Amino acid sequence: MAGEPQLDPAVAADLARLANDLAHNPKTRKEFGKLVKAAAPESPHAKAFYDVELEGRFEAFEEKQAAKELKAQQDAVVARMNQQRQNLLTGGADGNGPKYDEDTVKKIEKFMEENGITNYAHGAVLYANENPPLTPPGDDPAPNMHGDRWEIPEFEKFNKDPDGAARSTAFQVIKEFRQKRRA
């Protein structure tokens, strides 16, 4: 102890109190324990901080587990999205759904990315809505020709008694709605 400075007993007591406070404060205990272990690894004081070492190991274990869980979730999302992409190319699991070529799927993916969509089926529906296929001009139905006319259904009924016919037609429509709702 020849090279150690002589401390005033009051300063030594203050330092001891400070060390005690640091060792028992949950915010500083971990760092203080590391300092004690670094300064005197074989001392009984260093062994008193064994709980800090265990806590550090436990935190490292928890971080590894969280990383494994995150990786598993990422892999599951990638697998699900790859399956959904494949379903667009093949027409679904049964092959009866809409089929898209590779170029269209790439356009759908670009659309999904721009709009924050993660589901390929939803992305394909929205893409198709925004970009309808062009129909050839010959596929349009022919316009009505002169002489075509539309007739009012049940004209005679409305001609004789407009209020009564309107009321009975309204009740008939309501009855049909109720029957469809129950079915």
C-alpha atoms as a PDB file:
ATOM      1  CA  MET A   1       0.000   0.000   0.000  1.00  0.00           C
ATOM      2  CA  ALA A   2       2.943   2.264  -0.428  1.00  0.00           C
ATOM      3  CA  GLY A   3       1.675   3.769  -3.718  1.00  0.00           C
ATOM      4  CA  GLU A   4      -1.918   4.351  -2.577  1.00  0.00           C
ATOM      5  CA  PRO A   5      -2.895   7.854  -1.487  1.00  0.00           C
ATOM      6  CA  GLN A   6      -3.824   8.476   2.112  1.00  0.00           C
ATOM      7  CA  LEU A   7      -7.507   9.351   2.425  1.00  0.00           C
ATOM      8  CA  ASP A   8      -9.110  11.461   5.033  1.00  0.00           C
ATOM      9  CA  PRO A   9     -11.481   9.238   7.072  1.00  0.00           C
ATOM     10  CA  ALA A  10     -14.429  11.516   6.166  1.00  0.00           C
ATOM     11  CA  VAL A  11     -13.624  11.233   2.420  1.00  0.00           C
ATOM     12  CA  ALA A  12     -13.202   7.468   2.772  1.00  0.00           C
ATOM     13  CA  ALA A  13     -16.615   7.273   4.491  1.00  0.00           C
ATOM     14  CA  ASP A  14     -18.194   9.368   1.700  1.00  0.00           C
ATOM     15  CA  LEU A  15     -16.651   7.128  -0.955  1.00  0.00           C
ATOM     16  CA  ALA A  16     -17.840   4.017   0.876  1.00  0.00           C
ATOM     17  CA  ARG A  17     -21.378   5.460   1.043  1.00  0.00           C
ATOM     18  CA  LEU A  18     -21.236   6.323  -2.659  1.00  0.00           C
ATOM     19  CA  ALA A  19     -20.027   2.810  -3.519  1.00  0.00           C
ATOM     20  CA  ASN A  20     -22.823   1.335  -1.408  1.00  0.00           C
ATOM     21  CA  ASP A  21     -25.398   3.572  -3.131  1.00  0.00           C
ATOM     22  CA  LEU A  22     -24.078   2.616  -6.588  1.00  0.00           C
ATOM     23  CA  ALA A  23     -24.081  -1.085  -5.721  1.00  0.00           C
ATOM     24  CA  HIS A  24     -27.694  -1.029  -4.529  1.00  0.00           C
ATOM     25  CA  ASN A  25     -29.224   1.293  -7.126  1.00  0.00           C
ATOM     26  CA  PRO A  26     -30.952  -0.776  -9.861  1.00  0.00           C
ATOM     27  CA  LYS A  27     -29.877   1.756 -12.493  1.00  0.00           C
ATOM     28  CA  THR A  28     -26.157   1.623 -11.640  1.00  0.00           C
ATOM     29  CA  ARG A  29     -25.691  -1.858 -10.112  1.00  0.00           C
ATOM     30  CA  LYS A  30     -24.888  -3.566 -13.417  1.00  0.00           C
ATOM     31  CA  GLU A  31     -22.180  -1.103 -14.460  1.00  0.00           C
ATOM     32  CA  PHE A  32     -20.758  -0.886 -10.948  1.00  0.00           C
ATOM     33  CA  GLY A  33     -20.553  -4.691 -10.752  1.00  0.00           C
ATOM     34  CA  LYS A  34     -18.628  -4.762 -14.048  1.00  0.00           C
ATOM     35  CA  LEU A  35     -16.157  -2.212 -12.668  1.00  0.00           C
ATOM     36  CA  VAL A  36     -15.623  -4.215  -9.471  1.00  0.00           C
ATOM     37  CA  LYS A  37     -15.101  -7.444 -11.453  1.00  0.00           C
ATOM     38  CA  ALA A  38     -12.636  -5.686 -13.751  1.00  0.00           C
ATOM     39  CA  ALA A  39     -10.672  -4.193 -10.842  1.00  0.00           C
ATOM     40  CA  ALA A  40     -10.629  -7.235  -8.546  1.00  0.00           C
ATOM     41  CA  PRO A  41     -12.097 -10.339 -10.258  1.00  0.00           C
ATOM     42  CA  GLU A  42     -11.208 -12.769  -7.434  1.00  0.00           C
ATOM     43  CA  SER A  43     -12.317 -10.595  -4.539  1.00  0.00           C
ATOM     44  CA  PRO A  44     -15.375 -11.428  -2.457  1.00  0.00           C
ATOM     45  CA  HIS A  45     -16.801  -8.071  -3.556  1.00  0.00           C
ATOM     46  CA  ALA A  46     -16.728  -9.182  -7.206  1.00  0.00           C
ATOM     47  CA  LYS A  47     -18.465 -12.440  -6.318  1.00  0.00           C
ATOM     48  CA  ALA A  48     -21.230 -10.441  -4.637  1.00  0.00           C
ATOM     49  CA  PHE A  49     -22.252  -9.249  -8.121  1.00  0.00           C
ATOM     50  CA  TYR A  50     -22.938 -12.749  -9.455  1.00  0.00           C
ATOM     51  CA  ASP A  51     -26.605 -11.812  -9.912  1.00  0.00           C
ATOM     52  CA  VAL A  52     -25.534  -9.126 -12.387  1.00  0.00           C
ATOM     53  CA  GLU A  53     -23.705 -11.755 -14.436  1.00  0.00           C
ATOM     54  CA  LEU A  54     -26.758 -14.037 -14.404  1.00  0.00           C
ATOM     55  CA  GLU A  55     -28.988 -11.153 -15.416  1.00  0.00           C
ATOM     56  CA  GLY A  56     -26.660 -10.374 -18.313  1.00  0.00           C
ATOM     57  CA  ARG A  57     -26.765 -13.995 -19.476  1.00  0.00           C
ATOM     58  CA  PHE A  58     -30.543 -14.045 -19.203  1.00  0.00           C
ATOM     59  CA  GLU A  59     -30.862 -10.825 -21.236  1.00  0.00           C
ATOM     60  CA  ALA A  60     -28.572 -12.256 -23.916  1.00  0.00           C
ATOM     61  CA  PHE A  61     -30.688 -15.428 -24.003  1.00  0.00           C
ATOM     62  CA  GLU A  62     -33.894 -13.383 -24.324  1.00  0.00           C
ATOM     63  CA  GLU A  63     -32.373 -11.372 -27.188  1.00  0.00           C
ATOM     64  CA  LYS A  64     -31.416 -14.576 -29.014  1.00  0.00           C
ATOM     65  CA  GLN A  65     -34.923 -15.998 -28.526  1.00  0.00           C
ATOM     66  CA  ALA A  66     -36.528 -12.788 -29.769  1.00  0.00           C
ATOM     67  CA  ALA A  67     -34.245 -12.828 -32.817  1.00  0.00           C
ATOM     68  CA  LYS A  68     -35.208 -16.464 -33.525  1.00  0.00           C
ATOM     69  CA  GLU A  69     -38.924 -15.662 -33.202  1.00  0.00           C
ATOM     70  CA  LEU A  70     -38.571 -12.649 -35.471  1.00  0.00           C
ATOM     71  CA  LYS A  71     -36.717 -14.727 -38.054  1.00  0.00           C
ATOM     72  CA  ALA A  72     -39.418 -17.427 -37.912  1.00  0.00           C
ATOM     73  CA  GLN A  73     -42.155 -14.799 -38.381  1.00  0.00           C
ATOM     74  CA  GLN A  74     -40.287 -13.253 -41.305  1.00  0.00           C
ATOM     75  CA  ASP A  75     -39.847 -16.668 -42.921  1.00  0.00           C
ATOM     76  CA  ALA A  76     -43.564 -17.414 -42.485  1.00  0.00           C
ATOM     77  CA  VAL A  77     -44.541 -14.090 -44.074  1.00  0.00           C
ATOM     78  CA  VAL A  78     -42.166 -14.660 -47.002  1.00  0.00           C
ATOM     79  CA  ALA A  79     -43.505 -18.202 -47.522  1.00  0.00           C
ATOM     80  CA  ARG A  80     -47.118 -16.967 -47.388  1.00  0.00           C
ATOM     81  CA  MET A  81     -46.419 -14.188 -49.874  1.00  0.00           C
ATOM     82  CA  ASN A  82     -44.566 -16.563 -52.213  1.00  0.00           C
ATOM     83  CA  GLN A  83     -47.557 -18.921 -52.106  1.00  0.00           C
ATOM     84  CA  GLN A  84     -49.945 -16.061 -52.854  1.00  0.00           C
ATOM     85  CA  ARG A  85     -47.735 -14.981 -55.773  1.00  0.00           C
ATOM     86  CA  GLN A  86     -47.698 -18.517 -57.105  1.00  0.00           C
ATOM     87  CA  ASN A  87     -51.496 -18.640 -56.826  1.00  0.00           C
ATOM     88  CA  LEU A  88     -51.717 -15.604 -59.118  1.00  0.00           C
ATOM     89  CA  LEU A  89     -49.549 -17.370 -61.687  1.00  0.00           C
ATOM     90  CA  THR A  90     -51.358 -20.720 -61.528  1.00  0.00           C
ATOM     91  CA  GLY A  91     -54.927 -19.617 -60.851  1.00  0.00           C
ATOM     92  CA  GLY A  92     -55.055 -20.665 -57.208  1.00  0.00           C
ATOM     93  CA  ALA A  93     -54.803 -24.007 -55.464  1.00  0.00           C
ATOM     94  CA  ASP A  94     -57.452 -25.582 -57.682  1.00  0.00           C
ATOM     95  CA  GLY A  95     -56.374 -23.724 -60.838  1.00  0.00           C
ATOM     96  CA  ASN A  96     -59.848 -22.279 -61.431  1.00  0.00           C
ATOM     97  CA  GLY A  97     -59.070 -18.695 -60.405  1.00  0.00           C
ATOM     98  CA  PRO A  98     -57.769 -15.899 -62.582  1.00  0.00           C
ATOM     99  CA  LYS A  99     -54.303 -16.521 -63.999  1.00  0.00           C
ATOM    100  CA  TYR A 100     -51.780 -13.783 -64.627  1.00  0.00           C
ATOM    101  CA  ASP A 101     -48.573 -13.813 -66.630  1.00  0.00           C
ATOM    102  CA  GLU A 102     -45.222 -12.884 -65.074  1.00  0.00           C
ATOM    103  CA  ASP A 103     -45.266  -9.335 -66.463  1.00  0.00           C
ATOM    104  CA  THR A 104     -48.706  -8.637 -65.023  1.00  0.00           C
ATOM    105  CA  VAL A 105     -47.694 -10.089 -61.655  1.00  0.00           C
ATOM    106  CA  LYS A 106     -44.708  -7.708 -61.621  1.00  0.00           C
ATOM    107  CA  LYS A 107     -47.067  -4.810 -62.337  1.00  0.00           C
ATOM    108  CA  ILE A 108     -49.344  -5.997 -59.526  1.00  0.00           C
ATOM    109  CA  GLU A 109     -46.354  -6.180 -57.168  1.00  0.00           C
ATOM    110  CA  LYS A 110     -45.344  -2.627 -58.103  1.00  0.00           C
ATOM    111  CA  PHE A 111     -48.941  -1.489 -57.483  1.00  0.00           C
ATOM    112  CA  MET A 112     -48.958  -3.305 -54.119  1.00  0.00           C
ATOM    113  CA  GLU A 113     -45.689  -1.692 -53.067  1.00  0.00           C
ATOM    114  CA  GLU A 114     -46.885   1.790 -54.026  1.00  0.00           C
ATOM    115  CA  ASN A 115     -50.120   1.349 -52.063  1.00  0.00           C
ATOM    116  CA  GLY A 116     -48.839  -0.589 -49.034  1.00  0.00           C
ATOM    117  CA  ILE A 117     -50.739  -3.787 -49.832  1.00  0.00           C
ATOM    118  CA  THR A 118     -49.329  -7.086 -48.534  1.00  0.00           C
ATOM    119  CA  ASN A 119     -51.971  -9.514 -49.780  1.00  0.00           C
ATOM    120  CA  TYR A 120     -51.544 -10.593 -53.415  1.00  0.00           C
ATOM    121  CA  ALA A 121     -55.219 -11.469 -53.917  1.00  0.00           C
ATOM    122  CA  HIS A 122     -56.308  -8.037 -52.706  1.00  0.00           C
ATOM    123  CA  GLY A 123     -53.562  -6.383 -54.733  1.00  0.00           C
ATOM    124  CA  ALA A 124     -54.683  -8.208 -57.898  1.00  0.00           C
ATOM    125  CA  VAL A 125     -58.316  -7.160 -57.399  1.00  0.00           C
ATOM    126  CA  LEU A 126     -57.396  -3.525 -56.799  1.00  0.00           C
ATOM    127  CA  TYR A 127     -54.929  -3.526 -59.700  1.00  0.00           C
ATOM    128  CA  ALA A 128     -57.588  -4.966 -62.010  1.00  0.00           C
ATOM    129  CA  ASN A 129     -60.032  -2.292 -60.841  1.00  0.00           C
ATOM    130  CA  GLU A 130     -57.536   0.496 -61.514  1.00  0.00           C
ATOM    131  CA  ASN A 131     -56.359  -1.010 -64.828  1.00  0.00           C
ATOM    132  CA  PRO A 132     -59.308  -2.677 -66.552  1.00  0.00           C
ATOM    133  CA  PRO A 133     -58.501  -4.732 -69.654  1.00  0.00           C
ATOM    134  CA  LEU A 134     -59.040  -3.049 -72.977  1.00  0.00           C
ATOM    135  CA  THR A 135     -61.951  -4.532 -74.917  1.00  0.00           C
ATOM    136  CA  PRO A 136     -61.808  -4.672 -78.695  1.00  0.00           C
ATOM    137  CA  PRO A 137     -64.276  -2.274 -80.343  1.00  0.00           C
ATOM    138  CA  GLY A 138     -66.179  -5.118 -82.021  1.00  0.00           C
ATOM    139  CA  ASP A 139     -67.310  -6.562 -78.661  1.00  0.00           C
ATOM    140  CA  ASP A 140     -69.666  -3.682 -77.839  1.00  0.00           C
ATOM    141  CA  PRO A 141     -73.373  -4.454 -78.193  1.00  0.00           C
ATOM    142  CA  ALA A 142     -75.160  -2.874 -81.133  1.00  0.00           C
ATOM    143  CA  PRO A 143     -77.051   0.316 -80.284  1.00  0.00           C
ATOM    144  CA  ASN A 144     -80.862   0.268 -80.254  1.00  0.00           C
ATOM    145  CA  MET A 145     -82.383   0.771 -83.644  1.00  0.00           C
ATOM    146  CA  HIS A 146     -85.297   3.081 -84.485  1.00  0.00           C
ATOM    147  CA  GLY A 147     -88.573   1.470 -83.686  1.00  0.00           C
ATOM    148  CA  ASP A 148     -87.392  -0.274 -80.493  1.00  0.00           C
ATOM    149  CA  ARG A 149     -89.608   0.749 -77.669  1.00  0.00           C
ATOM    150  CA  TRP A 150     -89.938   0.130 -74.001  1.00  0.00           C
ATOM    151  CA  GLU A 151     -93.271  -0.633 -72.470  1.00  0.00           C
ATOM    152  CA  ILE A 152     -94.317   0.119 -68.927  1.00  0.00           C
ATOM    153  CA  PRO A 153     -95.054  -3.175 -67.203  1.00  0.00           C
ATOM    154  CA  GLU A 154     -98.606  -3.580 -65.982  1.00  0.00           C
ATOM    155  CA  PHE A 155     -99.652  -0.283 -67.566  1.00  0.00           C
ATOM    156  CA  GLU A 156    -103.314  -1.093 -67.394  1.00  0.00           C
ATOM    157  CA  LYS A 157    -103.128  -1.647 -63.648  1.00  0.00           C
ATOM    158  CA  PHE A 158    -101.564   1.786 -63.098  1.00  0.00           C
ATOM    159  CA  ASN A 159    -103.908   3.445 -65.604  1.00  0.00           C
ATOM    160  CA  LYS A 160    -107.079   2.366 -63.778  1.00  0.00           C
ATOM    161  CA  ASP A 161    -105.997   3.076 -60.150  1.00  0.00           C
ATOM    162  CA  PRO A 162    -102.536   4.745 -59.821  1.00  0.00           C
ATOM    163  CA  ASP A 163    -102.561   5.002 -56.003  1.00  0.00           C
ATOM    164  CA  GLY A 164    -103.783   1.487 -55.396  1.00  0.00           C
ATOM    165  CA  ALA A 165    -101.413   0.003 -57.997  1.00  0.00           C
ATOM    166  CA  ALA A 166     -98.442   1.869 -56.479  1.00  0.00           C
ATOM    167  CA  ARG A 167     -99.390   0.702 -52.982  1.00  0.00           C
ATOM    168  CA  SER A 168     -99.826  -2.956 -53.995  1.00  0.00           C
ATOM    169  CA  THR A 169     -96.577  -2.923 -55.991  1.00  0.00           C
ATOM    170  CA  ALA A 170     -94.727  -1.419 -53.016  1.00  0.00           C
ATOM    171  CA  PHE A 171     -96.129  -4.084 -50.678  1.00  0.00           C
ATOM    172  CA  GLN A 172     -95.137  -6.786 -53.179  1.00  0.00           C
ATOM    173  CA  VAL A 173     -91.555  -5.461 -53.342  1.00  0.00           C
ATOM    174  CA  ILE A 174     -91.321  -5.262 -49.528  1.00  0.00           C
ATOM    175  CA  LYS A 175     -92.616  -8.830 -49.269  1.00  0.00           C
ATOM    176  CA  GLU A 176     -89.941 -10.025 -51.731  1.00  0.00           C
ATOM    177  CA  PHE A 177     -87.192  -8.252 -49.755  1.00  0.00           C
ATOM    178  CA  ARG A 178     -88.332  -9.865 -46.522  1.00  0.00           C
ATOM    179  CA  GLN A 179     -88.450 -13.315 -48.095  1.00  0.00           C
ATOM    180  CA  LYS A 180     -84.935 -12.895 -49.499  1.00  0.00           C
ATOM    181  CA  ARG A 181     -83.640 -11.713 -46.133  1.00  0.00           C
ATOM    182  CA  ARG A 182     -85.038 -14.809 -44.382  1.00  0.00           C
ATOM    183  CA  ALA A 183     -83.632 -17.184 -46.938  1.00  0.00           C
END
